[in-house]
Amino acid sequence: MRLQLIRDPLIVLALGMVLTGPQLQARDLDRMPPAAVTDAMAQAASPQAIAEYGRKLAEYQQARAAFEAEAGAYWSQIAERRRGRNAKRRERQPITLDDYVLTQPPVYTGPKRPVNPEPQPADEARERKYIPVVADFLKAAADEFHWTPQRPANDVEFKRAYARAATAAGLTRDQAVRVYAFETGGNGNHDMQSGLEYSRRARAISTAIGYNQLLTTNSVDLLAEQGHHFIHALTDKAAAASGVARQAMEHKLAVLKRMVALAKSVPDEWSEHEKIGNTPQGWAMHAMVLDIDVGPLLQTHKLLTSVMFARLKGYTRPLTAAELEMMNLTGDSTGLDMVTMPQATREQVPTSNFFQRAGYERNPVAIRNNTVAKLLAVTDARMDSNSALPGARDLAAAF
C-alpha cells in the first residue's frame, strides 16, 4: 500500500483499524479513495454483531411467518365473503350480517426486522417510479395532440364552470361542495395534484388532479364511456361561438374526438384504460381535466356515474356527500355495498371487508376508523370542517 500518500492522521488511523478486520483486503484499499475507506471502516461489522443480527433475524422471520399465515387466512376469508356477496346480488338475494367478516384484521406485534450491520450493495435500493405532474400532462397534450388546455383566468372562474356543469347534471350543491372539501382539503385549485397540496416542490404521490382528484385512468375511462356527452356539449359551444373563439373551440372539439376514439379503441376495462393512462397519450388526455370547458364535465360525470350506478341497482334515496365519496374512493360496486347497509350493520362491519389487503394496509384512515359507521362519520366530520375554508365557500357561492 501507499500509505505515505495519505497525510490525514485520522484516515491513517482508520486504515490501520480496517486492515485488521475481516471484510477488506489490502489490495482493495489501494483502489479506494480516502472517503470510501473511512466509510468502509465505519460500516465494518464485528463477528459478534453479525452473529447477533443472525439470531434476531431468525426470531423476526419466525414471528413474521406465523403472522403471515394468520393474515393470509383472514384476507382469503375477506375475498371469499366478497365473492359470496357479489353472487347474492346477481341473484337479487338479500345481504345479511353473516355475509361479512366481523373480526378485525390481525396486527403484527412481533419483533421488528433487525438492521443488517454489514454494508449492502447500493443497487439493492429500489428506484421510485416517476409520477408525472401537471407540466408533463401539458407537454404531452402539446406533443401528442398539438393542443393546450384553456386555463381559467382565476380559480373562481373554474368553480363557476364546475357549478354550472354539476347543476345541469343533477348534482346538488351539498354533494359537490362537500366532496370538493374532502378531496382537496377545502382550498384546492383546479390543477391541484395529490402530494403537492402545500408545496409545488414536494413530490406527487399520484396522478390525481382537480376538484375530484381524478387519476389518469379515470380520465381515459370517462372519455371512453362518457365521451359522446362531452363531444355534444362542445359541439353546441362551437355552434354558439364566432370568429377566433369558434376556431379555438372547433380545434378543441377535434382533439376531443381523437382522444375519445383512442380511449374507445381498447376493451372497456379499467386495466386497459390504465395501460393507456400510463403513456404520453394518456397524460395528454388527462390534461383535459385542466380545460375550463371539458374539465368540469369530466369531474361532474365522475360523481354522476356513481349516482346513476346506485339508481340502476335500485337505490333511489339521494346519496349523502359522504356516501357519494365512498363510491368515489372505493369504486361504485364496493361503495354501494357500504351505502346500502342499515346503520346497525354499519356499526358492526369492519372496513377491511371493502379493501384488498395491500390497499387496506396503506390506508391509515380506514385502519383507525375500522367500521363502516366510523369511516362514514370521520368522512362527514372532515367535510364539515373543510367546507368552512375559503375554497369551499367560493365553490358554494358559485352555485
Protein backbone atom coordinates (compact mmCIF):
# COMPACT_ATOMS: atom_id res chain seq x y z
CA MET A 1 0.00 0.00 0.00
CA ARG A 2 0.98 3.61 -0.49
CA LEU A 3 0.11 4.97 2.94
CA GLN A 4 2.68 7.66 2.56
CA LEU A 5 0.35 9.44 0.14
CA ILE A 6 -2.28 9.86 2.85
CA ARG A 7 -1.35 12.62 5.23
CA ASP A 8 -4.57 12.96 7.23
CA PRO A 9 -3.81 11.25 10.60
CA LEU A 10 -7.50 10.34 11.11
CA ILE A 11 -7.60 8.45 7.81
CA VAL A 12 -4.31 6.71 8.61
CA LEU A 13 -5.81 5.55 11.94
CA ALA A 14 -8.93 4.37 10.12
CA LEU A 15 -6.89 2.38 7.63
CA GLY A 16 -4.99 0.69 10.42
CA MET A 17 -8.25 -0.40 12.02
CA VAL A 18 -9.77 -1.64 8.74
CA LEU A 19 -6.68 -3.68 7.87
CA THR A 20 -7.18 -5.78 10.99
CA GLY A 21 -10.84 -6.54 10.10
CA PRO A 22 -12.13 -9.48 8.07
CA GLN A 23 -14.14 -7.55 5.47
CA LEU A 24 -11.46 -5.93 3.29
CA GLN A 25 -8.15 -6.97 1.79
CA ALA A 26 -5.20 -4.58 1.49
CA ARG A 27 -5.32 -4.69 -2.31
CA ASP A 28 -8.93 -3.44 -2.18
CA LEU A 29 -7.95 -0.37 -0.16
CA ASP A 30 -5.39 0.66 -2.77
CA ARG A 31 -8.25 1.19 -5.20
CA MET A 32 -10.50 3.12 -2.78
CA PRO A 33 -10.49 6.90 -2.27
CA PRO A 34 -9.91 8.07 1.32
CA ALA A 35 -13.58 8.95 1.91
CA ALA A 36 -14.68 5.49 0.81
CA VAL A 37 -12.11 3.88 3.10
CA THR A 38 -13.44 5.89 6.03
CA ASP A 39 -17.00 4.78 5.18
CA ALA A 40 -15.88 1.18 4.96
CA MET A 41 -14.28 1.41 8.38
CA ALA A 42 -17.50 2.85 9.81
CA GLN A 43 -19.59 0.11 8.24
CA ALA A 44 -17.36 -2.85 9.08
CA ALA A 45 -19.20 -5.23 11.42
CA SER A 46 -17.65 -7.40 14.10
CA PRO A 47 -18.27 -11.17 14.14
CA GLN A 48 -20.27 -10.68 17.34
CA ALA A 49 -22.53 -8.08 15.67
CA ILE A 50 -23.08 -10.35 12.69
CA ALA A 51 -23.94 -13.30 14.93
CA GLU A 52 -26.39 -11.18 16.96
CA TYR A 53 -28.00 -9.98 13.74
CA GLY A 54 -28.45 -13.58 12.57
CA ARG A 55 -30.13 -14.53 15.86
CA LYS A 56 -32.52 -11.56 15.75
CA LEU A 57 -33.27 -12.13 12.06
CA ALA A 58 -34.26 -15.74 12.76
CA GLU A 59 -36.59 -14.59 15.56
CA TYR A 60 -38.14 -12.00 13.29
CA GLN A 61 -38.63 -14.43 10.41
CA GLN A 62 -40.30 -16.97 12.67
CA ALA A 63 -42.68 -14.39 14.13
CA ARG A 64 -43.40 -12.92 10.73
CA ALA A 65 -44.12 -16.30 9.17
CA ALA A 66 -46.66 -17.07 11.88
CA PHE A 67 -48.32 -13.67 11.34
CA GLU A 68 -48.41 -14.10 7.55
CA ALA A 69 -50.15 -17.45 7.94
CA GLU A 70 -52.81 -15.86 10.15
CA ALA A 71 -53.17 -12.75 7.94
CA GLY A 72 -53.32 -14.83 4.76
CA ALA A 73 -56.20 -16.87 6.14
CA TYR A 74 -58.03 -13.69 7.20
CA TRP A 75 -57.72 -11.94 3.81
CA SER A 76 -58.68 -15.12 1.98
CA GLN A 77 -61.86 -15.16 4.03
CA ILE A 78 -62.46 -11.48 3.15
CA ALA A 79 -62.16 -12.32 -0.57
CA GLU A 80 -64.42 -15.37 -0.21
CA ARG A 81 -67.17 -13.38 1.52
CA ARG A 82 -66.91 -10.65 -1.13
CA ARG A 83 -67.42 -13.21 -3.89
CA GLY A 84 -70.39 -14.57 -1.99
CA ARG A 85 -71.98 -11.11 -1.69
CA ASN A 86 -71.48 -10.45 -5.40
CA ALA A 87 -73.13 -13.76 -6.24
CA LYS A 88 -76.08 -12.93 -3.98
CA ARG A 89 -76.53 -9.55 -5.65
CA ARG A 90 -76.57 -11.14 -9.08
CA GLU A 91 -79.33 -13.43 -7.85
CA ARG A 92 -81.06 -10.48 -6.12
CA GLN A 93 -80.81 -12.21 -2.75
CA PRO A 94 -80.63 -10.17 0.47
CA ILE A 95 -77.24 -9.48 2.06
CA THR A 96 -77.05 -10.25 5.77
CA LEU A 97 -74.53 -9.67 8.54
CA ASP A 98 -73.25 -13.21 8.05
CA ASP A 99 -72.02 -12.24 4.58
CA TYR A 100 -69.22 -10.13 6.11
CA VAL A 101 -66.14 -10.94 8.15
CA LEU A 102 -66.90 -9.37 11.53
CA THR A 103 -63.43 -9.58 13.11
CA GLN A 104 -60.70 -7.01 12.59
CA PRO A 105 -57.55 -7.92 10.60
CA PRO A 106 -54.67 -9.41 12.61
CA VAL A 107 -51.95 -6.93 13.59
CA TYR A 108 -48.28 -7.86 13.65
CA THR A 109 -46.90 -7.42 17.18
CA GLY A 110 -43.66 -9.39 16.93
CA PRO A 111 -40.08 -8.11 16.81
CA LYS A 112 -39.06 -5.63 14.13
CA ARG A 113 -36.80 -6.73 11.32
CA PRO A 114 -33.23 -6.12 12.57
CA VAL A 115 -30.84 -3.83 10.72
CA ASN A 116 -28.08 -5.68 8.90
CA PRO A 117 -24.75 -4.42 10.35
CA GLU A 118 -22.90 -5.35 7.15
CA PRO A 119 -22.75 -2.86 4.26
CA GLN A 120 -25.27 -3.59 1.49
CA PRO A 121 -24.75 -3.05 -2.25
CA ALA A 122 -26.06 0.30 -3.40
CA ASP A 123 -28.02 -1.26 -6.25
CA GLU A 124 -30.29 -3.04 -3.77
CA ALA A 125 -32.15 0.21 -3.16
CA ARG A 126 -35.34 0.37 -5.22
CA GLU A 127 -35.81 3.27 -7.59
CA ARG A 128 -39.04 5.19 -7.08
CA LYS A 129 -41.38 5.08 -10.04
CA TYR A 130 -41.66 8.53 -11.60
CA ILE A 131 -45.10 10.08 -11.23
CA PRO A 132 -45.94 12.62 -13.95
CA VAL A 133 -47.08 16.07 -12.89
CA VAL A 134 -49.16 18.84 -14.47
CA ALA A 135 -46.21 20.07 -16.52
CA ASP A 136 -45.90 16.57 -18.03
CA PHE A 137 -49.61 16.47 -18.86
CA LEU A 138 -49.40 19.84 -20.61
CA LYS A 139 -46.29 18.86 -22.57
CA ALA A 140 -47.90 15.57 -23.62
CA ALA A 141 -51.01 17.43 -24.84
CA ALA A 142 -48.82 19.69 -26.96
CA ASP A 143 -46.62 16.86 -28.27
CA GLU A 144 -49.31 14.25 -28.91
CA PHE A 145 -52.29 16.39 -29.98
CA HIS A 146 -50.82 19.85 -30.73
CA TRP A 147 -53.21 21.32 -28.21
CA THR A 148 -53.10 23.30 -24.97
CA PRO A 149 -56.00 23.26 -22.48
CA GLN A 150 -57.80 26.55 -21.95
CA ARG A 151 -56.98 27.52 -18.38
CA PRO A 152 -59.15 29.86 -16.29
CA ALA A 153 -58.15 33.45 -15.57
CA ASN A 154 -58.56 32.53 -11.89
CA ASP A 155 -59.88 29.60 -9.95
CA VAL A 156 -63.24 31.22 -9.18
CA GLU A 157 -63.89 31.17 -12.94
CA PHE A 158 -63.29 27.41 -12.99
CA LYS A 159 -65.52 26.94 -9.94
CA ARG A 160 -68.36 28.73 -11.73
CA ALA A 161 -67.96 26.47 -14.76
CA TYR A 162 -67.90 23.44 -12.46
CA ALA A 163 -71.05 24.60 -10.62
CA ARG A 164 -72.90 25.05 -13.93
CA ALA A 165 -71.91 21.55 -15.08
CA ALA A 166 -72.82 19.96 -11.75
CA THR A 167 -76.21 21.68 -11.62
CA ALA A 168 -77.01 20.66 -15.20
CA ALA A 169 -76.11 17.06 -14.35
CA GLY A 170 -78.45 17.00 -11.36
CA LEU A 171 -75.84 17.01 -8.59
CA THR A 172 -76.69 19.08 -5.54
CA ARG A 173 -74.58 21.91 -4.19
CA ASP A 174 -74.13 19.94 -0.96
CA GLN A 175 -72.76 16.90 -2.80
CA ALA A 176 -70.37 18.89 -4.99
CA VAL A 177 -69.05 21.21 -2.29
CA ARG A 178 -68.58 18.56 0.39
CA VAL A 179 -66.83 16.13 -1.96
CA TYR A 180 -64.58 19.00 -3.07
CA ALA A 181 -63.91 19.87 0.57
CA PHE A 182 -62.94 16.28 1.35
CA GLU A 183 -60.84 15.64 -1.76
CA THR A 184 -58.90 18.92 -1.79
CA GLY A 185 -58.85 19.85 1.89
CA GLY A 186 -61.23 22.75 1.25
CA ASN A 187 -58.81 25.02 -0.60
CA GLY A 188 -57.72 23.14 -3.72
CA ASN A 189 -57.36 24.78 -7.13
CA HIS A 190 -58.44 23.22 -10.43
CA ASP A 191 -54.87 21.98 -11.03
CA MET A 192 -54.07 20.71 -7.53
CA GLN A 193 -52.25 17.38 -7.61
CA SER A 194 -52.12 14.79 -4.85
CA GLY A 195 -48.98 15.27 -2.76
CA LEU A 196 -48.45 18.84 -3.95
CA GLU A 197 -51.25 20.45 -1.94
CA TYR A 198 -48.93 22.59 0.14
CA SER A 199 -45.78 22.89 -1.96
CA ARG A 200 -45.07 22.59 -5.68
CA ARG A 201 -41.58 21.45 -4.72
CA ALA A 202 -42.88 18.39 -2.87
CA ARG A 203 -43.26 15.00 -4.58
CA ALA A 204 -46.50 13.94 -6.23
CA ILE A 205 -47.89 10.75 -4.74
CA SER A 206 -50.32 10.01 -7.60
CA THR A 207 -51.61 11.49 -10.86
CA ALA A 208 -54.82 12.64 -9.12
CA ILE A 209 -55.68 16.24 -10.00
CA GLY A 210 -58.60 18.63 -9.76
CA TYR A 211 -61.58 19.14 -7.52
CA ASN A 212 -62.45 15.43 -7.51
CA GLN A 213 -58.83 14.23 -7.76
CA LEU A 214 -59.13 12.25 -10.99
CA LEU A 215 -56.35 9.81 -11.91
CA THR A 216 -55.07 9.40 -15.47
CA THR A 217 -57.05 6.15 -15.64
CA ASN A 218 -60.22 8.00 -14.56
CA SER A 219 -59.78 10.46 -17.42
CA VAL A 220 -59.30 7.70 -20.00
CA ASP A 221 -62.24 5.77 -18.52
CA LEU A 222 -64.57 8.77 -18.64
CA LEU A 223 -63.56 9.71 -22.20
CA ALA A 224 -64.29 6.15 -23.31
CA GLU A 225 -67.64 5.84 -21.56
CA GLN A 226 -68.96 9.42 -21.49
CA GLY A 227 -67.10 10.98 -24.40
CA HIS A 228 -70.24 11.36 -26.52
CA HIS A 229 -71.70 13.70 -23.88
CA PHE A 230 -68.58 15.85 -23.91
CA ILE A 231 -68.50 15.97 -27.73
CA HIS A 232 -72.15 17.04 -27.81
CA ALA A 233 -71.52 19.81 -25.25
CA LEU A 234 -68.52 21.20 -27.16
CA THR A 235 -70.39 20.97 -30.49
CA ASP A 236 -73.10 23.23 -29.04
CA LYS A 237 -70.49 25.68 -27.71
CA ALA A 238 -68.72 25.81 -31.07
CA ALA A 239 -72.00 26.49 -32.87
CA ALA A 240 -72.77 29.37 -30.50
CA ALA A 241 -69.32 30.98 -30.89
CA SER A 242 -67.86 33.05 -33.72
CA GLY A 243 -64.53 34.25 -35.04
CA VAL A 244 -61.36 33.27 -33.20
CA ALA A 245 -63.31 31.77 -30.30
CA ARG A 246 -65.14 29.43 -32.66
CA GLN A 247 -61.91 28.36 -34.35
CA ALA A 248 -60.37 27.54 -30.95
CA MET A 249 -63.45 25.59 -29.88
CA GLU A 250 -63.53 23.63 -33.14
CA HIS A 251 -59.86 22.72 -32.70
CA LYS A 252 -60.55 21.60 -29.12
CA LEU A 253 -63.52 19.59 -30.37
CA ALA A 254 -61.36 17.87 -32.99
CA VAL A 255 -58.78 17.00 -30.33
CA LEU A 256 -61.50 15.71 -28.02
CA LYS A 257 -62.89 13.45 -30.76
CA ARG A 258 -59.43 11.97 -31.36
CA MET A 259 -58.98 11.35 -27.64
CA VAL A 260 -62.38 9.70 -27.33
CA ALA A 261 -61.63 7.48 -30.32
CA LEU A 262 -58.33 6.43 -28.75
CA ALA A 263 -59.96 5.70 -25.38
CA LYS A 264 -62.60 3.58 -27.15
CA SER A 265 -60.00 1.67 -29.17
CA VAL A 266 -59.38 -0.81 -26.34
CA PRO A 267 -61.78 -3.03 -24.35
CA ASP A 268 -63.86 -1.05 -21.84
CA GLU A 269 -61.96 -2.33 -18.83
CA TRP A 270 -60.15 -0.45 -16.07
CA SER A 271 -56.90 -2.39 -16.65
CA GLU A 272 -56.88 -1.46 -20.34
CA HIS A 273 -57.58 2.19 -19.60
CA GLU A 274 -54.82 2.12 -17.01
CA LYS A 275 -52.33 0.99 -19.67
CA ILE A 276 -53.19 3.99 -21.84
CA GLY A 277 -53.14 6.26 -18.79
CA ASN A 278 -49.50 5.37 -18.22
CA THR A 279 -48.45 6.58 -21.68
CA PRO A 280 -47.85 10.12 -23.01
CA GLN A 281 -51.14 9.84 -24.89
CA GLY A 282 -52.90 9.09 -21.61
CA TRP A 283 -51.12 12.00 -19.95
CA ALA A 284 -52.40 14.22 -22.76
CA MET A 285 -55.96 13.01 -22.18
CA HIS A 286 -55.54 13.81 -18.50
CA ALA A 287 -54.73 17.42 -19.44
CA MET A 288 -58.43 17.76 -20.38
CA VAL A 289 -59.17 17.93 -16.64
CA LEU A 290 -57.45 21.34 -16.66
CA ASP A 291 -59.56 22.73 -19.52
CA ILE A 292 -62.32 25.09 -18.45
CA ASP A 293 -64.82 23.57 -20.90
CA VAL A 294 -64.06 19.85 -20.58
CA GLY A 295 -62.58 19.66 -17.05
CA PRO A 296 -65.84 20.42 -15.23
CA LEU A 297 -67.65 17.85 -17.39
CA LEU A 298 -65.10 15.13 -16.61
CA GLN A 299 -65.24 15.78 -12.88
CA THR A 300 -69.02 16.14 -12.75
CA HIS A 301 -69.51 12.87 -14.62
CA LYS A 302 -67.13 11.09 -12.27
CA LEU A 303 -69.65 11.75 -9.49
CA LEU A 304 -72.70 11.41 -11.72
CA THR A 305 -71.74 7.88 -12.80
CA SER A 306 -71.83 6.85 -9.13
CA VAL A 307 -75.29 8.37 -8.69
CA MET A 308 -76.54 6.62 -11.83
CA PHE A 309 -74.98 3.32 -10.75
CA ALA A 310 -76.84 3.46 -7.44
CA ARG A 311 -80.13 4.17 -9.21
CA LEU A 312 -79.53 1.35 -11.68
CA LYS A 313 -79.09 -1.01 -8.74
CA GLY A 314 -82.40 0.10 -7.28
CA TYR A 315 -81.08 2.56 -4.67
CA THR A 316 -83.29 5.60 -5.20
CA ARG A 317 -82.69 7.55 -1.98
CA PRO A 318 -80.46 10.62 -2.57
CA LEU A 319 -76.84 9.87 -1.69
CA THR A 320 -75.29 11.94 1.04
CA ALA A 321 -71.95 13.53 0.18
CA ALA A 322 -70.14 11.05 2.44
CA GLU A 323 -71.86 8.10 0.75
CA LEU A 324 -71.03 9.51 -2.67
CA GLU A 325 -67.42 9.91 -1.55
CA MET A 326 -67.27 6.24 -0.50
CA MET A 327 -68.30 5.28 -4.02
CA ASN A 328 -65.84 7.79 -5.46
CA LEU A 329 -62.98 6.41 -3.36
CA THR A 330 -63.59 2.66 -3.44
CA GLY A 331 -65.42 2.20 -6.73
CA ASP A 332 -69.13 2.14 -7.38
CA SER A 333 -69.84 -1.51 -6.59
CA THR A 334 -67.81 -1.61 -3.38
CA GLY A 335 -69.05 1.80 -2.26
CA LEU A 336 -72.67 0.87 -2.85
CA ASP A 337 -72.11 -2.17 -0.64
CA MET A 338 -71.42 0.23 2.24
CA VAL A 339 -74.13 2.71 1.27
CA THR A 340 -76.95 0.17 1.27
CA MET A 341 -76.21 -1.12 4.78
CA PRO A 342 -78.60 -0.37 7.64
CA GLN A 343 -76.98 1.73 10.36
CA ALA A 344 -76.87 -1.19 12.80
CA THR A 345 -74.91 -3.23 10.26
CA ARG A 346 -72.57 -0.31 9.52
CA GLU A 347 -71.62 -0.22 13.19
CA GLN A 348 -70.54 -3.88 13.19
CA VAL A 349 -68.89 -4.45 9.81
CA PRO A 350 -65.12 -3.77 9.64
CA THR A 351 -63.85 -1.56 6.83
CA SER A 352 -61.44 -4.33 5.85
CA ASN A 353 -64.34 -6.05 4.05
CA PHE A 354 -64.11 -3.43 1.30
CA PHE A 355 -60.37 -3.44 0.59
CA GLN A 356 -57.67 -5.61 -0.86
CA ARG A 357 -55.04 -6.31 1.78
CA ALA A 358 -52.36 -4.05 0.26
CA GLY A 359 -54.78 -1.14 -0.11
CA TYR A 360 -56.05 -1.51 3.45
CA GLU A 361 -52.58 -1.63 4.98
CA ARG A 362 -51.67 1.61 3.18
CA ASN A 363 -54.81 3.37 4.40
CA PRO A 364 -54.39 4.69 7.96
CA VAL A 365 -57.83 6.34 7.89
CA ALA A 366 -59.58 3.02 7.21
CA ILE A 367 -57.45 1.31 9.87
CA ARG A 368 -58.14 3.90 12.57
CA ASN A 369 -61.84 4.15 11.69
CA ASN A 370 -62.27 0.43 11.43
CA THR A 371 -66.03 0.04 10.92
CA VAL A 372 -68.23 1.37 8.14
CA ALA A 373 -70.06 3.65 10.56
CA LYS A 374 -66.81 5.16 11.86
CA LEU A 375 -65.42 5.66 8.34
CA LEU A 376 -68.55 7.47 7.18
CA ALA A 377 -68.59 9.55 10.36
CA VAL A 378 -64.98 10.69 10.00
CA THR A 379 -65.62 11.49 6.33
CA ASP A 380 -68.60 13.64 7.30
CA ALA A 381 -66.59 15.35 10.06
CA ARG A 382 -63.77 16.21 7.65
CA MET A 383 -66.30 17.53 5.15
CA ASP A 384 -67.84 19.69 7.88
CA SER A 385 -64.57 21.31 8.87
CA ASN A 386 -63.15 21.72 5.36
CA SER A 387 -66.39 23.18 3.99
CA ALA A 388 -65.73 26.29 6.08
CA LEU A 389 -62.47 27.06 4.25
CA PRO A 390 -62.24 29.75 1.54
CA GLY A 391 -62.05 27.42 -1.46
CA ALA A 392 -65.15 25.50 -0.44
CA ARG A 393 -67.02 28.74 0.33
CA ASP A 394 -66.12 30.05 -3.15
CA LEU A 395 -67.47 26.87 -4.75
CA ALA A 396 -70.68 27.04 -2.71
CA ALA A 397 -71.15 30.67 -3.81
CA ALA A 398 -70.74 29.63 -7.44
CA PHE A 399 -73.97 27.58 -7.34
